[in-house]
């Protein structure tokens, strides 16, 4: 049984919701492309906005990680289990086949603390305490070397980004974008938001303490005002740049701003709750988590009907207007605004 996956990236470009690859193209390991690929359709029309010009894997593609050989995938599972990296299981197996792999990847690290005392005590008594260290060095070195020797990229986002970049140059079509590019843009915005908050929040609190001699929990909410302002702008930007077929960088910036604003809304709020409720901060955070979970359960149910009937432009505008409605109460709240006017 072959353990190594093939080297080429056979990836399909989907334009009408399908992921099929023509036989003559599939045999060459290339990607299919629509005859109308250089004339992008409108993405804001109902039923025609999810998969056009999205570079994605074909379901039967041998280079799609879940389609790699059984031997290679389980070798990877055994290796990642020794390194406590069970998240890679999600890349290697489809949802209905992850149970056994996740069980193995999770249980093996738990067996270490059980077996280690027996093995260590026997080794120390028979060979001396130095061999308890040497055994660990040899085992970790061997596993790590083997891992680096056979490991290849499993992350679908990274693979598709590489292939899409290649296809844009090869086909001269800047409208192609990877399926997970939106998530990538949002992640980049979140990172920027985390860095900004982490480098300014404590400094601002220290500044208030040095100038006013008092620190209020509301001082943590300064950046939330920025996040609340940026959120509707980002929703309008993403929705209408996609609807009007603007170059792919523009909607990517919109999703990055969404991630940026979400972080600058969540982090100040949770930090405020910790400072305000002190000994009872865990309960306050738990209440916030429940509200987040409820919203996360409801919004996916109402989102598709809105986008299906209004399109991406007006669909995102609906959520943008809702975000705008929250801005005046935030800026007018005495507990927040008053803390900065003092």
C-alpha atoms as a PDB file:
ATOM      1  CA  UNK A   1       0.000   0.000   0.000  1.00  0.00           C
ATOM      2  CA  UNK A   2       1.378   3.389  -0.988  1.00  0.00           C
ATOM      3  CA  UNK A   3       1.945   5.667   1.990  1.00  0.00           C
ATOM      4  CA  UNK A   4       3.015   8.870   0.274  1.00  0.00           C
ATOM      5  CA  UNK A   5       0.479  11.181  -1.427  1.00  0.00           C
ATOM      6  CA  UNK A   6       1.212  12.499  -4.887  1.00  0.00           C
ATOM      7  CA  UNK A   7       3.261  15.652  -5.261  1.00  0.00           C
ATOM      8  CA  UNK A   8       1.043  17.722  -7.541  1.00  0.00           C
ATOM      9  CA  UNK A   9      -1.838  19.893  -6.392  1.00  0.00           C
ATOM     10  CA  UNK A  10      -4.836  18.914  -8.488  1.00  0.00           C
ATOM     11  CA  UNK A  11      -7.410  21.556  -7.582  1.00  0.00           C
ATOM     12  CA  UNK A  12     -10.674  22.437  -9.249  1.00  0.00           C
ATOM     13  CA  UNK A  13     -11.917  25.965  -9.834  1.00  0.00           C
ATOM     14  CA  UNK A  14     -15.669  26.071  -9.260  1.00  0.00           C
ATOM     15  CA  UNK A  15     -17.881  28.663 -10.892  1.00  0.00           C
ATOM     16  CA  UNK A  16     -21.377  27.213 -10.772  1.00  0.00           C
ATOM     17  CA  UNK A  17     -21.461  25.368  -7.472  1.00  0.00           C
ATOM     18  CA  UNK A  18     -19.908  22.175  -8.846  1.00  0.00           C
ATOM     19  CA  UNK A  19     -16.484  20.745  -8.230  1.00  0.00           C
ATOM     20  CA  UNK A  20     -16.181  18.473 -11.220  1.00  0.00           C
ATOM     21  CA  UNK A  21     -13.041  18.194 -13.313  1.00  0.00           C
ATOM     22  CA  UNK A  22     -13.246  17.193 -16.998  1.00  0.00           C
ATOM     23  CA  UNK A  23     -11.704  13.797 -17.723  1.00  0.00           C
ATOM     24  CA  UNK A  24      -9.087  15.116 -20.127  1.00  0.00           C
ATOM     25  CA  UNK A  25      -8.016  17.732 -17.597  1.00  0.00           C
ATOM     26  CA  UNK A  26      -8.180  15.463 -14.573  1.00  0.00           C
ATOM     27  CA  UNK A  27      -5.749  13.002 -16.156  1.00  0.00           C
ATOM     28  CA  UNK A  28      -3.207  15.791 -16.483  1.00  0.00           C
ATOM     29  CA  UNK A  29      -3.565  16.734 -12.816  1.00  0.00           C
ATOM     30  CA  UNK A  30      -4.566  20.287 -13.770  1.00  0.00           C
ATOM     31  CA  UNK A  31      -7.526  22.398 -12.742  1.00  0.00           C
ATOM     32  CA  UNK A  32     -10.647  23.075 -14.751  1.00  0.00           C
ATOM     33  CA  UNK A  33     -11.694  26.596 -15.651  1.00  0.00           C
ATOM     34  CA  UNK A  34     -14.890  28.067 -17.025  1.00  0.00           C
ATOM     35  CA  UNK A  35     -14.944  29.493 -20.552  1.00  0.00           C
ATOM     36  CA  UNK A  36     -16.394  32.664 -19.039  1.00  0.00           C
ATOM     37  CA  UNK A  37     -13.721  32.893 -16.367  1.00  0.00           C
ATOM     38  CA  UNK A  38     -12.468  36.279 -17.534  1.00  0.00           C
ATOM     39  CA  UNK A  39     -15.954  37.800 -17.299  1.00  0.00           C
ATOM     40  CA  UNK A  40     -17.087  37.330 -13.702  1.00  0.00           C
ATOM     41  CA  UNK A  41     -20.829  37.005 -13.071  1.00  0.00           C
ATOM     42  CA  UNK A  42     -22.624  39.228 -10.587  1.00  0.00           C
ATOM     43  CA  UNK A  43     -22.215  37.819  -7.111  1.00  0.00           C
ATOM     44  CA  UNK A  44     -25.116  39.647  -5.517  1.00  0.00           C
ATOM     45  CA  UNK A  45     -27.840  37.718  -7.332  1.00  0.00           C
ATOM     46  CA  UNK A  46     -29.823  35.154  -5.289  1.00  0.00           C
ATOM     47  CA  UNK A  47     -28.587  31.623  -5.729  1.00  0.00           C
ATOM     48  CA  UNK A  48     -25.450  32.757  -7.575  1.00  0.00           C
ATOM     49  CA  UNK A  49     -23.051  34.029  -4.958  1.00  0.00           C
ATOM     50  CA  UNK A  50     -21.361  31.197  -3.095  1.00  0.00           C
ATOM     51  CA  UNK A  51     -18.961  29.382  -5.408  1.00  0.00           C
ATOM     52  CA  UNK A  52     -18.325  31.516  -8.487  1.00  0.00           C
ATOM     53  CA  UNK A  53     -14.615  32.064  -9.035  1.00  0.00           C
ATOM     54  CA  UNK A  54     -13.735  30.182  -5.900  1.00  0.00           C
ATOM     55  CA  UNK A  55     -10.719  27.875  -6.151  1.00  0.00           C
ATOM     56  CA  UNK A  56     -11.499  24.717  -4.225  1.00  0.00           C
ATOM     57  CA  UNK A  57     -10.615  21.027  -4.107  1.00  0.00           C
ATOM     58  CA  UNK A  58     -12.489  18.542  -6.282  1.00  0.00           C
ATOM     59  CA  UNK A  59     -14.119  15.924  -4.061  1.00  0.00           C
ATOM     60  CA  UNK A  60     -12.230  13.008  -5.652  1.00  0.00           C
ATOM     61  CA  UNK A  61      -8.904  14.812  -5.938  1.00  0.00           C
ATOM     62  CA  UNK A  62      -6.045  12.554  -4.755  1.00  0.00           C
ATOM     63  CA  UNK A  63      -4.170  15.593  -3.415  1.00  0.00           C
ATOM     64  CA  UNK A  64      -7.033  16.652  -1.133  1.00  0.00           C
ATOM     65  CA  UNK A  65      -5.679  15.665   2.340  1.00  0.00           C
ATOM     66  CA  UNK A  66      -8.686  13.477   3.312  1.00  0.00           C
ATOM     67  CA  UNK A  67      -8.105  11.509   0.078  1.00  0.00           C
ATOM     68  CA  UNK A  68      -4.499  10.646   0.901  1.00  0.00           C
ATOM     69  CA  UNK A  69      -3.644   6.994   1.460  1.00  0.00           C
ATOM     70  CA  UNK A  70      -4.829   5.259   4.614  1.00  0.00           C
ATOM     71  CA  UNK A  71      -1.277   4.259   5.520  1.00  0.00           C
ATOM     72  CA  UNK A  72       0.100   7.811   5.287  1.00  0.00           C
ATOM     73  CA  UNK A  73      -2.754   9.391   7.252  1.00  0.00           C
ATOM     74  CA  UNK A  74      -2.510   6.948  10.148  1.00  0.00           C
ATOM     75  CA  UNK A  75       1.263   7.306  10.211  1.00  0.00           C
ATOM     76  CA  UNK A  76       0.687  11.022  10.634  1.00  0.00           C
ATOM     77  CA  UNK A  77      -1.871  10.385  13.387  1.00  0.00           C
ATOM     78  CA  UNK A  78       0.628   8.316  15.373  1.00  0.00           C
ATOM     79  CA  UNK A  79       3.279  11.003  14.961  1.00  0.00           C
ATOM     80  CA  UNK A  80       1.078  13.952  15.884  1.00  0.00           C
ATOM     81  CA  UNK A  81      -0.189  12.017  18.908  1.00  0.00           C
ATOM     82  CA  UNK A  82       3.336  12.027  20.319  1.00  0.00           C
ATOM     83  CA  UNK A  83       3.507  15.801  19.793  1.00  0.00           C
ATOM     84  CA  UNK A  84       0.046  16.637  21.171  1.00  0.00           C
ATOM     85  CA  UNK A  85      -1.176  18.022  17.845  1.00  0.00           C
ATOM     86  CA  UNK A  86      -4.643  16.431  17.388  1.00  0.00           C
ATOM     87  CA  UNK A  87      -5.897  19.460  15.436  1.00  0.00           C
ATOM     88  CA  UNK A  88      -4.249  18.088  12.267  1.00  0.00           C
ATOM     89  CA  UNK A  89      -6.774  15.241  12.355  1.00  0.00           C
ATOM     90  CA  UNK A  90      -9.332  17.721  11.011  1.00  0.00           C
ATOM     91  CA  UNK A  91      -7.175  18.254   7.921  1.00  0.00           C
ATOM     92  CA  UNK A  92      -6.585  14.565   7.227  1.00  0.00           C
ATOM     93  CA  UNK A  93     -10.058  13.069   7.747  1.00  0.00           C
ATOM     94  CA  UNK A  94     -13.584  13.994   6.741  1.00  0.00           C
ATOM     95  CA  UNK A  95     -16.039  14.612   9.578  1.00  0.00           C
ATOM     96  CA  UNK A  96     -17.614  11.162   9.579  1.00  0.00           C
ATOM     97  CA  UNK A  97     -14.204   9.448   9.870  1.00  0.00           C
ATOM     98  CA  UNK A  98     -12.482  11.579  12.510  1.00  0.00           C
ATOM     99  CA  UNK A  99     -13.701   9.736  15.603  1.00  0.00           C
ATOM    100  CA  UNK A 100     -11.185   6.884  15.676  1.00  0.00           C
ATOM    101  CA  UNK A 101      -8.275   9.089  14.610  1.00  0.00           C
ATOM    102  CA  UNK A 102      -9.095  11.723  17.226  1.00  0.00           C
ATOM    103  CA  UNK A 103      -9.384   9.019  19.899  1.00  0.00           C
ATOM    104  CA  UNK A 104      -5.902   7.695  19.092  1.00  0.00           C
ATOM    105  CA  UNK A 105      -4.369  11.175  18.821  1.00  0.00           C
ATOM    106  CA  UNK A 106      -5.872  12.180  22.163  1.00  0.00           C
ATOM    107  CA  UNK A 107      -5.403   9.041  24.254  1.00  0.00           C
ATOM    108  CA  UNK A 108      -1.710   8.405  23.514  1.00  0.00           C
ATOM    109  CA  UNK A 109      -0.504  11.596  25.256  1.00  0.00           C
ATOM    110  CA  UNK A 110      -2.640  10.611  28.257  1.00  0.00           C
ATOM    111  CA  UNK A 111      -0.881   7.254  28.511  1.00  0.00           C
ATOM    112  CA  UNK A 112       2.509   8.937  28.917  1.00  0.00           C
ATOM    113  CA  UNK A 113       2.071  10.023  32.558  1.00  0.00           C
ATOM    114  CA  UNK A 114       0.830   6.498  33.359  1.00  0.00           C
ATOM    115  CA  UNK A 115       3.689   4.589  31.736  1.00  0.00           C
ATOM    116  CA  UNK A 116       6.507   7.056  32.424  1.00  0.00           C
ATOM    117  CA  UNK A 117       6.909   6.400  36.190  1.00  0.00           C
ATOM    118  CA  UNK A 118       7.184   2.630  35.673  1.00  0.00           C
ATOM    119  CA  UNK A 119       9.592   2.901  32.736  1.00  0.00           C
ATOM    120  CA  UNK A 120      11.605   5.655  34.397  1.00  0.00           C
ATOM    121  CA  UNK A 121      12.005   3.862  37.715  1.00  0.00           C
ATOM    122  CA  UNK A 122      13.043   0.596  36.037  1.00  0.00           C
ATOM    123  CA  UNK A 123      15.541   2.428  33.789  1.00  0.00           C
ATOM    124  CA  UNK A 124      17.017   4.428  36.667  1.00  0.00           C
ATOM    125  CA  UNK A 125      17.480   1.291  38.745  1.00  0.00           C
ATOM    126  CA  UNK A 126      18.978  -0.776  35.915  1.00  0.00           C
ATOM    127  CA  UNK A 127      21.029   1.802  33.998  1.00  0.00           C
ATOM    128  CA  UNK A 128      21.221   4.874  36.223  1.00  0.00           C
ATOM    129  CA  UNK A 129      19.301   8.160  36.234  1.00  0.00           C
ATOM    130  CA  UNK A 130      21.183   9.560  33.219  1.00  0.00           C
ATOM    131  CA  UNK A 131      19.541   6.991  30.950  1.00  0.00           C
ATOM    132  CA  UNK A 132      16.103   8.296  31.870  1.00  0.00           C
ATOM    133  CA  UNK A 133      17.151  11.501  30.087  1.00  0.00           C
ATOM    134  CA  UNK A 134      18.868   9.741  27.202  1.00  0.00           C
ATOM    135  CA  UNK A 135      15.806   7.626  26.438  1.00  0.00           C
ATOM    136  CA  UNK A 136      13.701  10.793  26.129  1.00  0.00           C
ATOM    137  CA  UNK A 137      16.307  12.450  23.900  1.00  0.00           C
ATOM    138  CA  UNK A 138      16.547   9.404  21.624  1.00  0.00           C
ATOM    139  CA  UNK A 139      12.787   8.911  21.369  1.00  0.00           C
ATOM    140  CA  UNK A 140      11.966  12.584  20.748  1.00  0.00           C
ATOM    141  CA  UNK A 141      14.828  12.944  18.280  1.00  0.00           C
ATOM    142  CA  UNK A 142      13.774   9.877  16.299  1.00  0.00           C
ATOM    143  CA  UNK A 143      10.109  10.857  16.162  1.00  0.00           C
ATOM    144  CA  UNK A 144      10.860  14.473  15.250  1.00  0.00           C
ATOM    145  CA  UNK A 145      13.316  13.471  12.508  1.00  0.00           C
ATOM    146  CA  UNK A 146      10.849  11.024  10.987  1.00  0.00           C
ATOM    147  CA  UNK A 147       8.083  13.628  11.224  1.00  0.00           C
ATOM    148  CA  UNK A 148      10.150  16.256   9.400  1.00  0.00           C
ATOM    149  CA  UNK A 149      11.128  13.687   6.766  1.00  0.00           C
ATOM    150  CA  UNK A 150       7.627  12.663   5.701  1.00  0.00           C
ATOM    151  CA  UNK A 151       5.485  15.614   6.746  1.00  0.00           C
ATOM    152  CA  UNK A 152       3.837  17.784   4.104  1.00  0.00           C
ATOM    153  CA  UNK A 153       1.431  20.705   4.267  1.00  0.00           C
ATOM    154  CA  UNK A 154      -2.057  19.597   5.358  1.00  0.00           C
ATOM    155  CA  UNK A 155      -3.758  22.949   5.850  1.00  0.00           C
ATOM    156  CA  UNK A 156      -6.347  23.491   3.121  1.00  0.00           C
ATOM    157  CA  UNK A 157      -6.099  27.267   3.421  1.00  0.00           C
ATOM    158  CA  UNK A 158      -2.366  27.311   2.711  1.00  0.00           C
ATOM    159  CA  UNK A 159      -2.618  24.824  -0.166  1.00  0.00           C
ATOM    160  CA  UNK A 160      -5.413  26.742  -1.866  1.00  0.00           C
ATOM    161  CA  UNK A 161      -3.655  30.070  -1.437  1.00  0.00           C
ATOM    162  CA  UNK A 162      -0.569  28.652  -3.141  1.00  0.00           C
ATOM    163  CA  UNK A 163      -2.568  27.175  -6.008  1.00  0.00           C
ATOM    164  CA  UNK A 164      -4.710  30.290  -6.482  1.00  0.00           C
ATOM    165  CA  UNK A 165      -1.641  32.512  -6.672  1.00  0.00           C
ATOM    166  CA  UNK A 166      -0.215  30.202  -9.331  1.00  0.00           C
ATOM    167  CA  UNK A 167      -3.476  30.124 -11.300  1.00  0.00           C
ATOM    168  CA  UNK A 168      -3.822  33.924 -11.294  1.00  0.00           C
ATOM    169  CA  UNK A 169      -0.459  34.242 -12.996  1.00  0.00           C
ATOM    170  CA  UNK A 170      -1.017  31.281 -15.293  1.00  0.00           C
ATOM    171  CA  UNK A 171      -4.515  32.291 -16.467  1.00  0.00           C
ATOM    172  CA  UNK A 172      -4.178  36.072 -16.114  1.00  0.00           C
ATOM    173  CA  UNK A 173      -7.385  36.137 -14.080  1.00  0.00           C
ATOM    174  CA  UNK A 174      -7.284  38.300 -10.955  1.00  0.00           C
ATOM    175  CA  UNK A 175     -10.883  37.359 -10.075  1.00  0.00           C
ATOM    176  CA  UNK A 176      -9.830  33.916  -8.812  1.00  0.00           C
ATOM    177  CA  UNK A 177      -9.626  33.581  -5.063  1.00  0.00           C
ATOM    178  CA  UNK A 178      -9.276  30.626  -2.690  1.00  0.00           C
ATOM    179  CA  UNK A 179     -12.328  29.343  -0.878  1.00  0.00           C
ATOM    180  CA  UNK A 180     -10.916  30.198   2.547  1.00  0.00           C
ATOM    181  CA  UNK A 181      -9.505  33.621   1.677  1.00  0.00           C
ATOM    182  CA  UNK A 182     -12.276  35.420   3.549  1.00  0.00           C
ATOM    183  CA  UNK A 183     -11.377  33.571   6.742  1.00  0.00           C
ATOM    184  CA  UNK A 184      -7.726  34.425   6.173  1.00  0.00           C
ATOM    185  CA  UNK A 185      -8.503  38.131   5.885  1.00  0.00           C
ATOM    186  CA  UNK A 186     -10.527  38.079   9.068  1.00  0.00           C
ATOM    187  CA  UNK A 187      -7.748  36.249  10.910  1.00  0.00           C
ATOM    188  CA  UNK A 188      -5.236  38.893   9.803  1.00  0.00           C
ATOM    189  CA  UNK A 189      -7.513  41.641  11.108  1.00  0.00           C
ATOM    190  CA  UNK A 190      -7.909  39.828  14.411  1.00  0.00           C
ATOM    191  CA  UNK A 191      -4.149  39.597  14.823  1.00  0.00           C
ATOM    192  CA  UNK A 192      -3.804  43.344  14.229  1.00  0.00           C
ATOM    193  CA  UNK A 193      -6.565  44.008  16.755  1.00  0.00           C
ATOM    194  CA  UNK A 194      -4.940  41.782  19.367  1.00  0.00           C
ATOM    195  CA  UNK A 195      -1.574  43.488  18.911  1.00  0.00           C
ATOM    196  CA  UNK A 196      -3.154  46.953  19.133  1.00  0.00           C
ATOM    197  CA  UNK A 197      -5.181  46.131  22.239  1.00  0.00           C
ATOM    198  CA  UNK A 198      -2.330  44.324  23.954  1.00  0.00           C
ATOM    199  CA  UNK A 199       0.016  47.277  23.450  1.00  0.00           C
ATOM    200  CA  UNK A 200      -2.369  50.083  24.410  1.00  0.00           C
ATOM    201  CA  UNK A 201      -4.894  48.890  27.007  1.00  0.00           C
ATOM    202  CA  UNK A 202      -2.566  48.577  29.998  1.00  0.00           C
ATOM    203  CA  UNK A 203      -0.637  51.678  28.983  1.00  0.00           C
ATOM    204  CA  UNK A 204      -3.820  53.734  28.930  1.00  0.00           C
ATOM    205  CA  UNK A 205      -4.857  52.442  32.350  1.00  0.00           C
ATOM    206  CA  UNK A 206      -1.415  53.288  33.772  1.00  0.00           C
ATOM    207  CA  UNK A 207      -1.641  56.740  32.199  1.00  0.00           C
ATOM    208  CA  UNK A 208      -5.003  57.368  33.875  1.00  0.00           C
ATOM    209  CA  UNK A 209      -3.672  56.146  37.180  1.00  0.00           C
ATOM    210  CA  UNK A 210      -0.640  58.446  36.998  1.00  0.00           C
ATOM    211  CA  UNK A 211      -2.608  61.523  35.908  1.00  0.00           C
ATOM    212  CA  UNK A 212      -5.856  61.086  37.854  1.00  0.00           C
ATOM    213  CA  UNK A 213      -4.844  58.735  40.648  1.00  0.00           C
ATOM    214  CA  UNK A 214      -7.785  56.425  39.946  1.00  0.00           C
ATOM    215  CA  UNK A 215      -8.508  53.547  37.599  1.00  0.00           C
ATOM    216  CA  UNK A 216     -12.022  52.700  36.478  1.00  0.00           C
ATOM    217  CA  UNK A 217     -13.156  49.540  34.658  1.00  0.00           C
ATOM    218  CA  UNK A 218     -14.571  51.826  31.950  1.00  0.00           C
ATOM    219  CA  UNK A 219     -11.026  52.815  31.016  1.00  0.00           C
ATOM    220  CA  UNK A 220     -10.755  49.420  29.354  1.00  0.00           C
ATOM    221  CA  UNK A 221     -13.488  50.328  26.867  1.00  0.00           C
ATOM    222  CA  UNK A 222     -11.723  53.054  24.902  1.00  0.00           C
ATOM    223  CA  UNK A 223     -10.838  50.800  21.973  1.00  0.00           C
ATOM    224  CA  UNK A 224     -14.382  49.395  21.935  1.00  0.00           C
ATOM    225  CA  UNK A 225     -15.489  52.776  20.608  1.00  0.00           C
ATOM    226  CA  UNK A 226     -13.093  52.297  17.694  1.00  0.00           C
ATOM    227  CA  UNK A 227     -14.250  48.726  17.115  1.00  0.00           C
ATOM    228  CA  UNK A 228     -17.931  49.711  17.159  1.00  0.00           C
ATOM    229  CA  UNK A 229     -17.227  52.413  14.555  1.00  0.00           C
ATOM    230  CA  UNK A 230     -15.179  50.216  12.230  1.00  0.00           C
ATOM    231  CA  UNK A 231     -17.611  47.255  12.241  1.00  0.00           C
ATOM    232  CA  UNK A 232     -20.406  48.753  10.073  1.00  0.00           C
ATOM    233  CA  UNK A 233     -17.817  50.269   7.719  1.00  0.00           C
ATOM    234  CA  UNK A 234     -16.242  46.856   7.230  1.00  0.00           C
ATOM    235  CA  UNK A 235     -19.598  45.190   6.548  1.00  0.00           C
ATOM    236  CA  UNK A 236     -20.537  47.789   3.927  1.00  0.00           C
ATOM    237  CA  UNK A 237     -17.083  47.563   2.344  1.00  0.00           C
ATOM    238  CA  UNK A 238     -17.088  43.785   2.063  1.00  0.00           C
ATOM    239  CA  UNK A 239     -20.693  43.445   0.899  1.00  0.00           C
ATOM    240  CA  UNK A 240     -20.619  46.027  -1.867  1.00  0.00           C
ATOM    241  CA  UNK A 241     -17.108  45.338  -3.168  1.00  0.00           C
ATOM    242  CA  UNK A 242     -18.112  41.704  -3.688  1.00  0.00           C
ATOM    243  CA  UNK A 243     -21.498  42.651  -5.152  1.00  0.00           C
ATOM    244  CA  UNK A 244     -19.937  45.115  -7.602  1.00  0.00           C
ATOM    245  CA  UNK A 245     -17.147  42.712  -8.607  1.00  0.00           C
ATOM    246  CA  UNK A 246     -14.323  44.873  -7.303  1.00  0.00           C
ATOM    247  CA  UNK A 247     -10.803  43.399  -7.393  1.00  0.00           C
ATOM    248  CA  UNK A 248     -10.416  40.655  -4.772  1.00  0.00           C
ATOM    249  CA  UNK A 249      -8.131  42.681  -2.500  1.00  0.00           C
ATOM    250  CA  UNK A 250     -10.974  45.077  -1.617  1.00  0.00           C
ATOM    251  CA  UNK A 251     -13.335  42.470  -0.061  1.00  0.00           C
ATOM    252  CA  UNK A 252     -10.337  40.893   1.636  1.00  0.00           C
ATOM    253  CA  UNK A 253      -9.648  44.237   3.326  1.00  0.00           C
ATOM    254  CA  UNK A 254     -13.304  44.343   4.342  1.00  0.00           C
ATOM    255  CA  UNK A 255     -13.117  40.965   6.071  1.00  0.00           C
ATOM    256  CA  UNK A 256      -9.855  41.993   7.755  1.00  0.00           C
ATOM    257  CA  UNK A 257     -11.610  45.056   9.165  1.00  0.00           C
ATOM    258  CA  UNK A 258     -14.427  42.811  10.398  1.00  0.00           C
ATOM    259  CA  UNK A 259     -11.937  40.710  12.347  1.00  0.00           C
ATOM    260  CA  UNK A 260     -10.220  43.866  13.620  1.00  0.00           C
ATOM    261  CA  UNK A 261     -13.473  45.364  14.889  1.00  0.00           C
ATOM    262  CA  UNK A 262     -14.696  42.109  16.447  1.00  0.00           C
ATOM    263  CA  UNK A 263     -11.516  41.782  18.507  1.00  0.00           C
ATOM    264  CA  UNK A 264     -11.717  45.424  19.615  1.00  0.00           C
ATOM    265  CA  UNK A 265     -15.267  44.764  20.764  1.00  0.00           C
ATOM    266  CA  UNK A 266     -14.808  41.440  22.547  1.00  0.00           C
ATOM    267  CA  UNK A 267     -11.497  41.984  24.352  1.00  0.00           C
ATOM    268  CA  UNK A 268     -12.383  45.356  25.950  1.00  0.00           C
ATOM    269  CA  UNK A 269     -15.751  44.000  27.024  1.00  0.00           C
ATOM    270  CA  UNK A 270     -14.307  40.915  28.715  1.00  0.00           C
ATOM    271  CA  UNK A 271     -11.522  42.930  30.314  1.00  0.00           C
ATOM    272  CA  UNK A 272     -14.126  45.384  31.608  1.00  0.00           C
ATOM    273  CA  UNK A 273     -16.140  42.555  33.145  1.00  0.00           C
ATOM    274  CA  UNK A 274     -13.047  41.183  34.904  1.00  0.00           C
ATOM    275  CA  UNK A 275     -12.138  44.595  36.314  1.00  0.00           C
ATOM    276  CA  UNK A 276     -15.706  45.532  37.254  1.00  0.00           C
ATOM    277  CA  UNK A 277     -16.806  42.303  38.933  1.00  0.00           C
ATOM    278  CA  UNK A 278     -13.411  41.276  40.350  1.00  0.00           C
ATOM    279  CA  UNK A 279     -14.181  38.259  42.583  1.00  0.00           C
ATOM    280  CA  UNK A 280     -17.248  37.423  40.514  1.00  0.00           C
ATOM    281  CA  UNK A 281     -15.578  37.954  37.133  1.00  0.00           C
ATOM    282  CA  UNK A 282     -15.842  34.265  36.191  1.00  0.00           C
ATOM    283  CA  UNK A 283     -19.632  34.412  36.499  1.00  0.00           C
ATOM    284  CA  UNK A 284     -19.752  37.641  34.506  1.00  0.00           C
ATOM    285  CA  UNK A 285     -17.622  36.153  31.718  1.00  0.00           C
ATOM    286  CA  UNK A 286     -19.800  33.016  31.733  1.00  0.00           C
ATOM    287  CA  UNK A 287     -22.918  35.151  31.231  1.00  0.00           C
ATOM    288  CA  UNK A 288     -21.240  36.836  28.278  1.00  0.00           C
ATOM    289  CA  UNK A 289     -20.273  33.468  26.809  1.00  0.00           C
ATOM    290  CA  UNK A 290     -23.879  32.309  27.011  1.00  0.00           C
ATOM    291  CA  UNK A 291     -24.992  35.412  25.100  1.00  0.00           C
ATOM    292  CA  UNK A 292     -22.298  34.833  22.481  1.00  0.00           C
ATOM    293  CA  UNK A 293     -23.315  31.181  22.123  1.00  0.00           C
ATOM    294  CA  UNK A 294     -26.977  32.129  21.693  1.00  0.00           C
ATOM    295  CA  UNK A 295     -26.083  34.642  18.987  1.00  0.00           C
ATOM    296  CA  UNK A 296     -23.838  32.083  17.316  1.00  0.00           C
ATOM    297  CA  UNK A 297     -26.737  29.623  17.198  1.00  0.00           C
ATOM    298  CA  UNK A 298     -29.320  32.082  15.837  1.00  0.00           C
ATOM    299  CA  UNK A 299     -27.406  34.142  13.280  1.00  0.00           C
ATOM    300  CA  UNK A 300     -26.413  31.182  11.044  1.00  0.00           C
ATOM    301  CA  UNK A 301     -30.114  30.418  10.721  1.00  0.00           C
ATOM    302  CA  UNK A 302     -31.167  33.895   9.588  1.00  0.00           C
ATOM    303  CA  UNK A 303     -28.063  34.699   7.528  1.00  0.00           C
ATOM    304  CA  UNK A 304     -28.636  32.427   4.487  1.00  0.00           C
ATOM    305  CA  UNK A 305     -32.249  33.584   3.901  1.00  0.00           C
ATOM    306  CA  UNK A 306     -31.147  37.239   4.070  1.00  0.00           C
ATOM    307  CA  UNK A 307     -28.266  36.756   1.665  1.00  0.00           C
ATOM    308  CA  UNK A 308     -30.363  34.526  -0.566  1.00  0.00           C
ATOM    309  CA  UNK A 309     -33.088  37.165  -0.991  1.00  0.00           C
ATOM    310  CA  UNK A 310     -31.059  40.383  -0.841  1.00  0.00           C
ATOM    311  CA  UNK A 311     -27.648  39.343  -2.144  1.00  0.00           C
ATOM    312  CA  UNK A 312     -24.275  40.090  -0.612  1.00  0.00           C
ATOM    313  CA  UNK A 313     -24.536  43.849  -1.032  1.00  0.00           C
ATOM    314  CA  UNK A 314     -27.818  44.565   0.735  1.00  0.00           C
ATOM    315  CA  UNK A 315     -27.503  41.459   2.897  1.00  0.00           C
ATOM    316  CA  UNK A 316     -24.336  42.783   4.528  1.00  0.00           C
ATOM    317  CA  UNK A 317     -25.861  46.247   4.615  1.00  0.00           C
ATOM    318  CA  UNK A 318     -28.662  44.943   6.842  1.00  0.00           C
ATOM    319  CA  UNK A 319     -26.113  43.838   9.439  1.00  0.00           C
ATOM    320  CA  UNK A 320     -24.180  47.055   8.867  1.00  0.00           C
ATOM    321  CA  UNK A 321     -27.224  49.188   9.691  1.00  0.00           C
ATOM    322  CA  UNK A 322     -27.823  47.103  12.827  1.00  0.00           C
ATOM    323  CA  UNK A 323     -24.210  47.802  13.857  1.00  0.00           C
ATOM    324  CA  UNK A 324     -24.713  51.518  13.171  1.00  0.00           C
ATOM    325  CA  UNK A 325     -27.727  51.551  15.487  1.00  0.00           C
ATOM    326  CA  UNK A 326     -25.504  50.467  18.393  1.00  0.00           C
ATOM    327  CA  UNK A 327     -22.967  53.272  17.959  1.00  0.00           C
ATOM    328  CA  UNK A 328     -24.950  56.199  19.520  1.00  0.00           C
ATOM    329  CA  UNK A 329     -25.816  54.317  22.745  1.00  0.00           C
ATOM    330  CA  UNK A 330     -22.167  53.336  23.184  1.00  0.00           C
ATOM    331  CA  UNK A 331     -20.850  56.868  22.716  1.00  0.00           C
ATOM    332  CA  UNK A 332     -23.581  58.413  24.837  1.00  0.00           C
ATOM    333  CA  UNK A 333     -23.281  56.005  27.766  1.00  0.00           C
ATOM    334  CA  UNK A 334     -22.217  57.954  30.845  1.00  0.00           C
ATOM    335  CA  UNK A 335     -20.278  54.997  32.237  1.00  0.00           C
ATOM    336  CA  UNK A 336     -18.059  54.859  29.159  1.00  0.00           C
ATOM    337  CA  UNK A 337     -17.834  58.370  27.757  1.00  0.00           C
ATOM    338  CA  UNK A 338     -17.714  60.008  31.139  1.00  0.00           C
ATOM    339  CA  UNK A 339     -14.608  58.031  32.076  1.00  0.00           C
ATOM    340  CA  UNK A 340     -12.671  59.724  29.274  1.00  0.00           C
ATOM    341  CA  UNK A 341     -14.029  63.225  29.849  1.00  0.00           C
ATOM    342  CA  UNK A 342     -12.854  63.303  33.477  1.00  0.00           C
END
